[in-house]
Amino acid sequence: MTDRITAGLVAAAALLLAPLVASADDHEPDLASVWIIAPKQGMTAELEKALREHAAMREKGEDSRDWDLYDVAMGDHMGIYQVRYCCFDWADEDAYSAENAEKGFGEHFQKTVAPYVDHMHHYFERLDLENSYWPADMPQKRYYGVTSWVWKEDASPEVTEVRKKMSQSLIDAGWGEREPWLWVSRIGGKRMLMIVSAYDSYADMAPPEQNMYEFMIENTEMEGDDLDAAFSTFGTGFSSSDYTVWQYRPDLSVSPGD
């Protein structure tokens, strides 16, 4: 299910959006704010109506952030929503918290949306821009596939190093031009590593004729034994994995600038 971006990782280890950074020395905001919202049973329609009303309020109030909203198209947690904004630095969050209070966005959410919410989670995510290939001019896609791994407590630093090595090999060899990817780490809750891929349609999710493993054998200096060892090392860092396809919902998103 992750052949388009992580076929090699899955095969050997059994295993909302950001620009590509030109060099490691260039600083780009690399944080995203993510809210996961689960509706009360039987109240999905009411929740969506409330989300639309709240989005309109934020747009009228000239929210300085564009909040993109997604629901689950495929995965183990159908019926939940993800609301996300990217990208910013830590200091930007202090300023936005003040704006949120001044303009009454939080208060309006509590009155309008919260009555239909069963539970929510809030995380920050850090984007590993240096080791990703996510062009700045890539348009919004309809679907985003997210593979998530839960870190083991005793994971070796070598897991991160081998991930970076493979990513840089793929960047140098041009894999990103055909299959863009984005590495993300969760801040808050369980320690998780994620990789994101983008699709225009379900047909776009079909595995490529040449998967990532085969591409690396043909186009990088890594030999088969080295690749197998690298994938195996990567797999030792995690206790479980999950794959979810999120669907973009422009009708529920906040776009003050549009």
Foldseek 3Di string as FASTA:
>chain_A
DPQLPPVLLCVQLVAQADAADPAPPDDDFFKKKKKKFAFDPPCLVQLLVLLLVLLVLCLVLVQVWWWWKWAFPDWDDHRMMMIMTDGDHPVVVVVNVVVCVVSVSVVSCCVRNVVGTPDMDIWMKGWPNNLFHGHPPDDGAFKKKKKKFFFDPPQDPVLVVLSSVLSVQCVVQPSCVVWTKIWMWIGDDTTMIMMMTGDNDPVRVDRDPATPLNSCCVRGPDHPVNSSVSSNSNSVGGDHMTMTMIGIDPSSIRDSPD
